[in-house]
C-alpha cells in the first residue's frame, strides 16, 4: 500500500563566537544548554550540529559528552571561523575583524581556493573525531561547496548533508530554483542540482533546512495581505526566532501543509534554531511545534542520520518526485501553491484569486557545474542556481501584477490528487495540470502567456519550443502548441498543452 514517508528533524546548531552580542560567550553556551535540556525533557530524537569553535571549547565538549543519550546525535556545522583557519595556517580575512563572519568571504568554503578547502574540511573532521571518537554522520551549512561535499562523502563517509532553503538576496547569498523542500541526491558537478544519472550522483541525501512555506518562501511579501506586510519579516519558515515561525497560526498552517494529504513519497521539515539568537524566546515556539506534530501521529521524529538512512532504503539513491503544497492560506488572501519536484525539474503552480500561473519552473542539469567548482568566490556574495524557464524571484518586480507563465485568468480552487508514485494532478473546475517526471501536461488549457520583460536569459521562439541561453547553457521548453514571441511577451497556443523541459542537445 502506498504511503508517504513523513519525517521531522529537530536540528539546532551551535556557534561559540558571535560578534552581535556583547556577552556572547556566556549567552551562546546557555542557549545551547537550554535547548538540549528541553529536548531531553521532551524525550524526542534530535540533532545538534557543532561549529569548529565549539569543538575547541571544553564547556560544549563536556555538555555533549556528559549528556550522551540515544536521543541525541551530534554532527558538524561547517562555517569557516578564525580558529579553523588559524589551525590551517591561513588568515581569516574578515573586514570587521570578527572571528566569525556571516559573509561568504571569509565565512564559507567556496571563498577559499580548492586545495585550501580540502585542508579546512580535513582539519574540521580531525577535530571532531578527536572530541567524539569518530567522524560525524551529518554535516550541515547554510551553503556548502560541491568539492567539499564530495570529499565529505568519499573520504569521510558522511551519511547526510543539509543546506539552507531557497532564498534571494538574504544574508550574503542566494539559492534560486533548487529542490524546494525535502531531500535529493546531488550531482557531483553541483551540490545544488539533483543528479539524473547514476554515474554523476553523489550518494548522500541533501536535506533542505528551515521548513519553507510553499506560499511565501519564494517571493516573500509579494502575495501577503496589507496587514501582514507591515510585519518586519523576511523569513517565511518554521524558524522560531522570526515572526512567522513564532506565530502559532502560521506554524500550524505550515505544518498542516508540509505533512498533509497533498504530499508525494516524502514529506519533511526541519525545526530548531541556531544558538545565535540568545536574546529571543526560541524555546517556546519549538516546544509548541513539537507538541503539535506529536498530535498528528503519522509524523516520525528522527535524528538527521536516521532520516537519511530511511530515505536511502526507500528510494535507492535516486531522487524521488515529491510535492510541497499550501491549499489553504493562513492569511486573508485567496492563494494556493503546489510545488512538484523531481530529479529533472521543479515547478510551482500558483493561484492568486482567479489567476492561475507557473510562478517558478527550473530545469535540473547535472552537467552544469557549480559556479565555484574550480574557481574561488572572490566577493562577499555567492549565487547557487539552476536553469530558469520561468523565474519570478529574479526575473520580476516585487509587485503582485508581475507574475509568471499564465495558464488561466478565471481559475477556481485547486484540488490535489496523487495519480501514482511519480505523478500528481492539480485541478480547478474542468481544467487541470498533471506533473510527471518528464514534464507538465494540461487539460482544458488552450493558451499560456509570459511577460519576459525582466529576463536575464536570452529567450527565443521556434515553432514548438522556447529556447534559452543562460550563462553558457543552452536548453529549451518543448511544447505541442504554437509558440510566438512579440514585444517580449511569450505566447503558447494549442489544445491540452504540454511543457517538456529539455537539456542541451
Protein backbone atom coordinates (compact mmCIF):
# COMPACT_ATOMS: atom_id res chain seq x y z
CA UNK A 1 0.00 0.00 0.00
CA UNK A 2 1.29 3.47 -0.91
CA UNK A 3 2.35 5.72 1.92
CA UNK A 4 4.29 8.94 2.27
CA UNK A 5 7.42 8.84 4.41
CA UNK A 6 6.89 11.71 6.87
CA UNK A 7 9.98 12.82 8.79
CA UNK A 8 10.78 15.76 11.01
CA UNK A 9 14.29 16.59 12.20
CA UNK A 10 14.83 18.74 15.27
CA UNK A 11 18.19 20.25 14.48
CA UNK A 12 19.85 23.04 16.45
CA UNK A 13 23.35 24.19 15.67
CA UNK A 14 25.87 25.88 17.92
CA UNK A 15 28.46 28.61 17.48
CA UNK A 16 30.94 29.58 20.19
CA UNK A 17 31.74 33.05 18.88
CA UNK A 18 29.23 35.60 17.64
CA UNK A 19 30.00 39.34 17.31
CA UNK A 20 26.42 40.58 17.53
CA UNK A 21 26.02 40.13 21.31
CA UNK A 22 28.12 41.86 23.95
CA UNK A 23 28.05 38.89 26.33
CA UNK A 24 28.21 36.38 23.51
CA UNK A 25 30.45 33.78 25.14
CA UNK A 26 28.09 33.17 28.05
CA UNK A 27 24.79 33.59 26.18
CA UNK A 28 25.59 31.18 23.36
CA UNK A 29 26.51 28.37 25.71
CA UNK A 30 23.50 28.93 27.95
CA UNK A 31 21.20 28.81 24.91
CA UNK A 32 22.61 25.53 23.66
CA UNK A 33 22.43 24.03 27.14
CA UNK A 34 18.78 25.08 27.49
CA UNK A 35 17.94 23.62 24.07
CA UNK A 36 19.49 20.28 24.97
CA UNK A 37 17.79 20.15 28.37
CA UNK A 38 14.37 20.85 26.85
CA UNK A 39 14.70 18.16 24.18
CA UNK A 40 15.89 15.57 26.69
CA UNK A 41 12.93 16.52 28.90
CA UNK A 42 10.53 16.06 25.95
CA UNK A 43 12.18 12.74 25.05
CA UNK A 44 12.34 13.35 21.30
CA UNK A 45 15.22 12.36 18.98
CA UNK A 46 17.27 15.36 17.89
CA UNK A 47 20.47 16.50 16.24
CA UNK A 48 22.96 19.17 17.32
CA UNK A 49 25.49 20.36 14.75
CA UNK A 50 28.60 21.90 16.32
CA UNK A 51 30.82 24.51 14.70
CA UNK A 52 34.63 24.15 14.90
CA UNK A 53 34.96 26.79 17.60
CA UNK A 54 32.60 24.87 19.92
CA UNK A 55 34.77 21.76 19.47
CA UNK A 56 37.64 23.80 20.90
CA UNK A 57 35.63 24.90 23.95
CA UNK A 58 35.64 22.49 26.94
CA UNK A 59 32.18 23.60 28.03
CA UNK A 60 30.49 22.42 24.81
CA UNK A 61 32.59 19.26 24.75
CA UNK A 62 31.60 18.45 28.32
CA UNK A 63 27.95 19.31 27.71
CA UNK A 64 27.56 16.75 24.95
CA UNK A 65 29.99 14.14 26.24
CA UNK A 66 28.48 14.11 29.72
CA UNK A 67 24.88 14.05 28.45
CA UNK A 68 25.25 11.21 25.98
CA UNK A 69 21.87 9.78 25.11
CA UNK A 70 20.34 7.66 22.38
CA UNK A 71 18.09 10.64 21.70
CA UNK A 72 20.99 12.99 20.90
CA UNK A 73 23.03 12.97 17.72
CA UNK A 74 25.93 15.37 17.16
CA UNK A 75 27.42 16.40 13.85
CA UNK A 76 29.41 19.23 12.29
CA UNK A 77 28.10 22.68 11.44
CA UNK A 78 30.52 23.88 8.79
CA UNK A 79 31.03 27.61 8.65
CA UNK A 80 34.59 28.88 8.42
CA UNK A 81 35.73 30.61 11.62
CA UNK A 82 39.02 32.17 12.67
CA UNK A 83 40.11 29.29 14.95
CA UNK A 84 39.76 26.91 11.97
CA UNK A 85 41.77 28.99 9.50
CA UNK A 86 44.43 29.61 12.17
CA UNK A 87 44.75 25.86 12.75
CA UNK A 88 45.31 25.50 8.99
CA UNK A 89 47.87 28.32 8.84
CA UNK A 90 45.58 30.64 6.88
CA UNK A 91 44.46 34.21 7.58
CA UNK A 92 40.83 34.95 8.43
CA UNK A 93 40.04 37.96 6.28
CA UNK A 94 37.01 39.46 8.00
CA UNK A 95 36.68 43.10 7.05
CA UNK A 96 35.19 43.70 10.52
CA UNK A 97 37.90 41.93 12.47
CA UNK A 98 35.45 39.23 13.63
CA UNK A 99 36.31 35.61 14.46
CA UNK A 100 33.02 34.55 12.85
CA UNK A 101 31.70 36.41 9.81
CA UNK A 102 28.42 35.69 8.04
CA UNK A 103 29.63 36.99 4.66
CA UNK A 104 30.75 34.48 2.04
CA UNK A 105 34.27 35.83 2.42
CA UNK A 106 35.55 34.63 4.82
CA UNK A 107 32.70 32.59 6.33
CA UNK A 108 32.01 29.87 3.72
CA UNK A 109 34.04 27.25 1.96
CA UNK A 110 33.62 28.47 -1.65
CA UNK A 111 35.56 31.64 -0.69
CA UNK A 112 38.77 29.58 -0.48
CA UNK A 113 40.86 28.04 -3.29
CA UNK A 114 40.01 24.37 -3.94
CA UNK A 115 43.15 22.97 -2.27
CA UNK A 116 42.57 25.17 0.78
CA UNK A 117 39.00 23.82 1.05
CA UNK A 118 40.44 20.33 1.44
CA UNK A 119 42.74 21.44 4.26
CA UNK A 120 39.92 23.25 6.06
CA UNK A 121 37.44 20.37 5.99
CA UNK A 122 40.16 17.86 6.88
CA UNK A 123 41.03 19.87 9.99
CA UNK A 124 37.37 20.24 10.97
CA UNK A 125 36.82 16.49 10.64
CA UNK A 126 40.04 15.73 12.50
CA UNK A 127 38.97 17.92 15.39
CA UNK A 128 35.51 16.39 15.52
CA UNK A 129 36.97 12.87 15.66
CA UNK A 130 39.40 13.96 18.37
CA UNK A 131 36.47 15.10 20.51
CA UNK A 132 33.89 12.37 19.80
CA UNK A 133 36.00 9.42 18.66
CA UNK A 134 34.52 9.09 15.19
CA UNK A 135 33.69 11.24 12.18
CA UNK A 136 30.24 12.83 12.09
CA UNK A 137 27.42 11.22 10.14
CA UNK A 138 25.85 14.63 9.45
CA UNK A 139 27.42 17.84 8.17
CA UNK A 140 25.42 20.99 7.56
CA UNK A 141 25.96 24.57 6.48
CA UNK A 142 23.83 27.36 5.11
CA UNK A 143 25.93 26.93 1.99
CA UNK A 144 28.38 24.18 1.08
CA UNK A 145 30.58 23.96 -2.00
CA UNK A 146 30.46 20.84 -4.17
CA UNK A 147 34.12 19.89 -3.87
CA UNK A 148 33.84 19.82 -0.08
CA UNK A 149 30.59 17.84 -0.26
CA UNK A 150 32.23 15.19 -2.45
CA UNK A 151 35.18 14.97 -0.06
CA UNK A 152 32.86 14.54 2.91
CA UNK A 153 31.13 11.59 1.27
CA UNK A 154 34.09 9.95 -0.48
CA UNK A 155 36.75 10.35 2.21
CA UNK A 156 34.75 10.51 5.45
CA UNK A 157 31.60 8.52 4.66
CA UNK A 158 29.19 11.25 5.72
CA UNK A 159 25.61 9.97 5.57
CA UNK A 160 23.68 13.22 5.36
CA UNK A 161 24.24 16.82 4.25
CA UNK A 162 21.95 19.79 4.81
CA UNK A 163 21.85 23.30 3.37
CA UNK A 164 19.64 26.39 3.53
CA UNK A 165 16.26 26.57 1.85
CA UNK A 166 15.94 28.77 -1.25
CA UNK A 167 16.33 32.48 -0.62
CA UNK A 168 17.08 35.55 -2.71
CA UNK A 169 19.48 38.29 -1.62
CA UNK A 170 19.31 37.26 2.03
CA UNK A 171 22.41 37.38 4.21
CA UNK A 172 25.27 37.13 1.69
CA UNK A 173 23.99 34.52 -0.72
CA UNK A 174 21.11 33.49 -2.95
CA UNK A 175 19.86 29.99 -3.65
CA UNK A 176 17.38 30.05 -6.53
CA UNK A 177 15.50 27.28 -8.28
CA UNK A 178 16.53 24.37 -6.08
CA UNK A 179 14.69 21.23 -4.99
CA UNK A 180 12.19 23.16 -2.89
CA UNK A 181 11.88 21.02 0.25
CA UNK A 182 12.76 17.53 1.41
CA UNK A 183 15.81 15.65 0.15
CA UNK A 184 17.59 14.90 -3.12
CA UNK A 185 20.75 13.21 -4.37
CA UNK A 186 23.04 15.87 -5.85
CA UNK A 187 25.20 15.97 -8.93
CA UNK A 188 28.94 15.62 -8.44
CA UNK A 189 29.23 18.80 -10.51
CA UNK A 190 26.81 20.88 -8.47
CA UNK A 191 25.56 20.22 -4.96
CA UNK A 192 22.52 22.43 -5.67
CA UNK A 193 21.38 20.28 -8.60
CA UNK A 194 19.78 16.83 -8.36
CA UNK A 195 21.61 14.23 -10.46
CA UNK A 196 19.90 12.45 -13.34
CA UNK A 197 22.29 9.53 -13.85
CA UNK A 198 23.94 7.07 -11.51
CA UNK A 199 27.47 7.88 -12.67
CA UNK A 200 27.05 11.57 -11.77
CA UNK A 201 25.24 11.01 -8.47
CA UNK A 202 26.82 11.80 -5.12
CA UNK A 203 25.22 9.09 -2.99
CA UNK A 204 24.32 11.21 0.02
CA UNK A 205 20.95 12.92 0.54
CA UNK A 206 20.91 16.69 0.85
CA UNK A 207 18.16 17.95 3.18
CA UNK A 208 16.74 21.46 2.83
CA UNK A 209 16.55 23.37 6.11
CA UNK A 210 14.03 25.52 7.97
CA UNK A 211 10.65 24.24 6.75
CA UNK A 212 9.89 26.74 3.94
CA UNK A 213 6.39 27.99 3.19
CA UNK A 214 5.13 26.92 -0.27
CA UNK A 215 3.13 30.15 -0.35
CA UNK A 216 5.58 32.83 0.73
CA UNK A 217 9.13 31.49 0.83
CA UNK A 218 9.67 32.09 -2.89
CA UNK A 219 8.95 35.81 -3.17
CA UNK A 220 8.43 36.98 0.40
CA UNK A 221 5.98 39.85 0.73
CA UNK A 222 4.60 39.80 -2.81
CA UNK A 223 1.33 37.99 -2.06
CA UNK A 224 0.87 38.91 1.60
CA UNK A 225 -2.12 40.82 2.93
CA UNK A 226 -1.58 44.52 3.70
CA UNK A 227 -1.68 43.83 7.45
CA UNK A 228 0.95 41.15 7.31
CA UNK A 229 3.20 43.18 5.03
CA UNK A 230 3.64 45.64 7.87
CA UNK A 231 5.49 42.97 9.85
CA UNK A 232 9.26 43.30 9.72
CA UNK A 233 9.74 39.77 8.45
CA UNK A 234 11.79 38.31 5.61
CA UNK A 235 11.79 34.65 6.58
CA UNK A 236 8.65 32.60 5.90
CA UNK A 237 9.75 29.36 7.53
CA UNK A 238 9.36 27.45 10.80
CA UNK A 239 12.44 29.13 12.30
CA UNK A 240 11.25 30.13 15.83
CA UNK A 241 13.12 33.43 16.07
CA UNK A 242 11.18 35.21 13.32
CA UNK A 243 7.57 36.41 13.30
CA UNK A 244 6.29 33.62 11.05
CA UNK A 245 7.83 30.71 12.94
CA UNK A 246 6.79 32.18 16.28
CA UNK A 247 3.19 32.75 15.16
CA UNK A 248 1.01 29.79 16.23
CA UNK A 249 -1.43 30.31 13.34
CA UNK A 250 1.27 30.29 10.71
CA UNK A 251 3.30 27.42 12.15
CA UNK A 252 0.25 25.17 12.45
CA UNK A 253 -0.90 26.01 8.93
CA UNK A 254 2.56 25.32 7.55
CA UNK A 255 2.92 22.03 9.44
CA UNK A 256 -0.51 21.02 8.14
CA UNK A 257 0.69 21.84 4.63
CA UNK A 258 4.01 20.02 4.82
CA UNK A 259 2.52 16.90 6.41
CA UNK A 260 -1.00 16.97 4.97
CA UNK A 261 -2.70 14.95 2.25
CA UNK A 262 -1.16 16.91 -0.65
CA UNK A 263 2.16 15.05 -0.50
CA UNK A 264 4.04 12.55 -2.63
CA UNK A 265 6.63 9.97 -1.49
CA UNK A 266 8.43 12.07 1.14
CA UNK A 267 7.21 14.85 3.42
CA UNK A 268 9.78 16.67 5.51
CA UNK A 269 10.51 19.57 7.83
CA UNK A 270 13.50 20.64 9.87
CA UNK A 271 12.67 22.58 13.02
CA UNK A 272 15.00 24.17 15.55
CA UNK A 273 17.20 27.24 15.93
CA UNK A 274 20.84 28.24 15.92
CA UNK A 275 22.08 29.48 19.28
CA UNK A 276 22.97 32.96 17.97
CA UNK A 277 19.58 34.42 18.96
CA UNK A 278 20.12 34.11 22.68
CA UNK A 279 18.06 37.21 23.46
CA UNK A 280 14.89 35.80 21.88
CA UNK A 281 12.44 33.19 23.06
CA UNK A 282 13.34 30.32 20.78
CA UNK A 283 12.26 27.51 23.12
CA UNK A 284 8.53 28.17 23.46
CA UNK A 285 7.77 28.10 19.71
CA UNK A 286 9.88 24.97 19.28
CA UNK A 287 8.10 23.23 22.14
CA UNK A 288 4.74 24.21 20.61
CA UNK A 289 5.76 22.87 17.19
CA UNK A 290 6.86 19.56 18.74
CA UNK A 291 3.61 19.23 20.65
CA UNK A 292 1.54 19.91 17.53
CA UNK A 293 3.49 17.41 15.41
CA UNK A 294 3.05 14.76 18.09
CA UNK A 295 -0.72 15.15 17.75
CA UNK A 296 -0.55 14.20 14.08
CA UNK A 297 0.53 10.69 14.86
CA UNK A 298 1.89 9.78 11.42
CA UNK A 299 4.92 12.08 11.55
CA UNK A 300 8.15 10.49 12.75
CA UNK A 301 10.71 12.41 14.82
CA UNK A 302 14.20 11.32 13.76
CA UNK A 303 17.84 12.22 14.04
CA UNK A 304 19.08 13.51 10.70
CA UNK A 305 21.20 10.43 10.02
CA UNK A 306 18.15 8.21 10.66
CA UNK A 307 16.14 10.14 8.10
CA UNK A 308 18.98 9.76 5.59
CA UNK A 309 19.21 6.02 6.18
CA UNK A 310 15.46 5.52 5.74
CA UNK A 311 15.47 7.76 2.67
CA UNK A 312 18.27 5.69 1.10
CA UNK A 313 16.47 2.43 1.85
CA UNK A 314 13.19 3.74 0.43
CA UNK A 315 14.45 5.46 -2.72
CA UNK A 316 17.70 3.68 -3.55
CA UNK A 317 19.89 6.75 -4.22
CA UNK A 318 17.52 8.09 -6.90
CA UNK A 319 15.79 11.40 -6.20
CA UNK A 320 12.04 10.78 -5.88
CA UNK A 321 9.28 13.08 -7.11
CA UNK A 322 7.75 14.92 -4.16
CA UNK A 323 5.12 17.60 -3.58
CA UNK A 324 5.03 20.54 -1.17
CA UNK A 325 1.72 22.38 -1.20
CA UNK A 326 -0.37 25.00 0.55
CA UNK A 327 -4.01 24.58 -0.37
CA UNK A 328 -5.41 26.73 2.45
CA UNK A 329 -3.81 30.10 3.08
CA UNK A 330 -3.19 31.00 6.70
CA UNK A 331 -3.64 34.70 5.89
CA UNK A 332 -6.68 36.55 4.49
CA UNK A 333 -5.60 36.35 0.86
CA UNK A 334 -7.06 33.85 -1.64
CA UNK A 335 -3.89 31.93 -2.51
CA UNK A 336 -2.86 28.34 -3.25
CA UNK A 337 0.51 26.89 -4.16
CA UNK A 338 1.72 23.46 -5.30
CA UNK A 339 5.38 22.58 -5.80
CA UNK A 340 6.27 19.45 -7.77
CA UNK A 341 9.91 18.47 -7.77
CA UNK A 342 11.81 15.51 -9.19
CA UNK A 343 15.29 14.72 -10.48
CA UNK A 344 14.59 16.63 -13.71
CA UNK A 345 12.91 19.89 -12.67
CA UNK A 346 10.98 21.85 -10.06
CA UNK A 347 7.76 23.71 -10.86
CA UNK A 348 5.40 25.82 -8.76
CA UNK A 349 1.75 26.12 -9.79
CA UNK A 350 0.23 29.13 -8.05
CA UNK A 351 -3.25 30.62 -7.79
CA UNK A 352 -3.83 34.23 -6.79
CA UNK A 353 -7.58 34.73 -6.85
CA UNK A 354 -8.69 33.94 -10.40
CA UNK A 355 -5.17 33.90 -11.87
CA UNK A 356 -3.50 30.50 -12.26
CA UNK A 357 0.14 30.54 -13.32
CA UNK A 358 3.51 28.87 -13.07
CA UNK A 359 5.32 31.12 -10.63
CA UNK A 360 8.56 29.13 -10.88
CA UNK A 361 9.89 26.46 -13.27
CA UNK A 362 13.56 25.40 -13.27
CA UNK A 363 15.38 22.69 -15.18
CA UNK A 364 17.95 20.49 -13.42
CA UNK A 365 21.05 19.56 -15.43
CA UNK A 366 23.73 17.51 -13.70
CA UNK A 367 26.36 18.51 -16.28
CA UNK A 368 26.14 22.24 -15.48
CA UNK A 369 28.86 22.93 -12.89
CA UNK A 370 28.58 24.95 -9.73
CA UNK A 371 29.88 28.49 -10.30
CA UNK A 372 32.68 27.84 -7.77
CA UNK A 373 33.51 24.23 -8.59
CA UNK A 374 37.07 25.12 -9.62
CA UNK A 375 37.02 28.91 -9.13
CA UNK A 376 37.17 30.80 -5.86
CA UNK A 377 34.27 33.08 -4.93
CA UNK A 378 36.03 36.43 -4.72
CA UNK A 379 33.09 38.51 -3.48
CA UNK A 380 31.13 38.75 -0.25
CA UNK A 381 28.12 37.30 -2.10
CA UNK A 382 27.55 33.87 -3.68
CA UNK A 383 24.89 32.53 -6.06
CA UNK A 384 23.66 28.95 -6.38
CA UNK A 385 21.04 28.40 -9.06
CA UNK A 386 19.51 26.05 -11.59
CA UNK A 387 18.41 26.76 -15.16
CA UNK A 388 15.39 29.12 -15.20
CA UNK A 389 12.43 28.50 -17.50
CA UNK A 390 10.03 30.65 -15.51
CA UNK A 391 11.51 32.84 -12.78
CA UNK A 392 9.58 35.42 -10.79
CA UNK A 393 12.07 35.74 -7.96
CA UNK A 394 14.81 37.40 -10.02
CA UNK A 395 13.07 37.99 -13.36
CA UNK A 396 10.27 40.11 -11.90
CA UNK A 397 9.47 43.18 -9.89
CA UNK A 398 8.14 42.97 -6.36
CA UNK A 399 4.58 43.80 -7.42
CA UNK A 400 1.62 41.49 -7.41
CA UNK A 401 0.79 42.03 -11.09
CA UNK A 402 4.22 40.78 -12.23
CA UNK A 403 3.65 37.04 -12.50
CA UNK A 404 4.98 34.10 -14.48
CA UNK A 405 3.55 31.82 -17.18
CA UNK A 406 -0.23 32.39 -17.06
CA UNK A 407 -2.47 29.36 -17.64
CA UNK A 408 -5.85 30.81 -16.70
CA UNK A 409 -7.41 34.11 -15.64
CA UNK A 410 -10.70 32.58 -14.46
CA UNK A 411 -9.35 30.00 -12.07
CA UNK A 412 -11.01 28.37 -9.09
CA UNK A 413 -9.94 26.44 -6.00
CA UNK A 414 -7.28 23.78 -6.55
CA UNK A 415 -7.96 20.11 -5.86
CA UNK A 416 -4.99 17.77 -5.48
CA UNK A 417 -4.75 14.09 -6.41
CA UNK A 418 -1.89 11.62 -6.38
CA UNK A 419 -2.07 9.58 -9.59
CA UNK A 420 0.96 7.36 -8.95
CA UNK A 421 4.33 7.38 -7.19
CA UNK A 422 5.59 9.76 -9.88
CA UNK A 423 2.52 11.74 -10.98
CA UNK A 424 0.38 14.36 -9.27
CA UNK A 425 -2.69 16.21 -10.55
CA UNK A 426 -3.97 19.67 -9.70
CA UNK A 427 -7.49 20.52 -10.92
CA UNK A 428 -9.59 23.67 -10.91
CA UNK A 429 -13.03 23.38 -12.46
CA UNK A 430 -12.75 21.50 -15.74
CA UNK A 431 -9.08 22.37 -16.16
CA UNK A 432 -6.08 20.56 -14.75
CA UNK A 433 -2.33 20.15 -14.68
CA UNK A 434 -0.60 16.77 -14.35
CA UNK A 435 3.01 16.77 -13.21
CA UNK A 436 5.17 13.86 -14.39
CA UNK A 437 8.90 13.26 -14.20
CA UNK A 438 9.18 14.28 -17.87
CA UNK A 439 7.20 17.50 -17.65
CA UNK A 440 3.77 19.11 -17.34
CA UNK A 441 0.57 18.06 -19.10
CA UNK A 442 -2.61 20.15 -19.10
CA UNK A 443 -6.28 19.57 -19.83
CA UNK A 444 -8.59 22.40 -20.85
CA UNK A 445 -5.72 24.90 -21.06
CA UNK A 446 -5.59 26.33 -24.58
CA UNK A 447 -3.22 29.24 -24.13
CA UNK A 448 -0.35 30.49 -21.99
CA UNK A 449 1.38 33.87 -21.82
CA UNK A 450 4.53 35.09 -20.10
CA UNK A 451 5.89 38.65 -19.97
CA UNK A 452 9.67 38.28 -20.33
CA UNK A 453 10.45 41.92 -19.58
CA UNK A 454 12.94 41.21 -16.80
CA UNK A 455 14.64 38.04 -18.01
CA UNK A 456 18.42 37.84 -17.93
CA UNK A 457 18.48 34.79 -20.22
CA UNK A 458 18.35 35.06 -23.98
CA UNK A 459 14.94 33.69 -24.97
CA UNK A 460 13.77 32.89 -28.49
CA UNK A 461 10.75 31.15 -30.00
CA UNK A 462 10.66 28.34 -32.54
CA UNK A 463 7.61 26.56 -33.97
CA UNK A 464 7.01 24.29 -30.99
CA UNK A 465 9.63 25.28 -28.47
CA UNK A 466 11.03 28.09 -26.37
CA UNK A 467 14.83 28.25 -26.49
CA UNK A 468 17.04 29.61 -23.72
CA UNK A 469 20.69 30.62 -23.47
CA UNK A 470 21.80 31.32 -19.92
CA UNK A 471 25.34 31.63 -18.57
CA UNK A 472 26.79 29.23 -21.12
CA UNK A 473 23.93 26.69 -21.00
CA UNK A 474 21.54 26.14 -23.90
CA UNK A 475 18.23 24.44 -23.19
CA UNK A 476 14.59 24.51 -24.23
CA UNK A 477 10.96 24.13 -23.27
CA UNK A 478 9.25 21.81 -25.75
CA UNK A 479 5.50 22.08 -26.34
CA UNK A 480 2.81 20.66 -28.59
CA UNK A 481 1.50 24.18 -29.22
CA UNK A 482 2.37 27.11 -31.44
CA UNK A 483 4.97 29.38 -29.85
CA UNK A 484 5.40 33.08 -30.60
CA UNK A 485 7.35 35.93 -29.05
CA UNK A 486 6.21 39.51 -29.65
CA UNK A 487 7.40 42.58 -27.72
CA UNK A 488 8.90 40.29 -25.09
CA UNK A 489 5.55 38.55 -24.49
CA UNK A 490 5.75 34.80 -24.96
CA UNK A 491 2.56 33.08 -26.13
CA UNK A 492 1.81 29.37 -26.46
CA UNK A 493 -1.44 28.29 -28.15
CA UNK A 494 -2.93 24.83 -28.61
CA UNK A 495 -5.15 22.13 -27.14
CA UNK A 496 -4.20 20.26 -23.96
CA UNK A 497 -0.80 21.88 -23.89
CA UNK A 498 2.31 20.05 -22.70
CA UNK A 499 5.52 21.61 -21.35
CA UNK A 500 8.61 19.37 -21.50
CA UNK A 501 11.91 20.86 -20.28
CA UNK A 502 14.83 19.80 -22.49
CA UNK A 503 18.54 19.91 -21.69
CA UNK A 504 21.23 20.80 -24.22
CA UNK A 505 21.13 18.60 -27.30
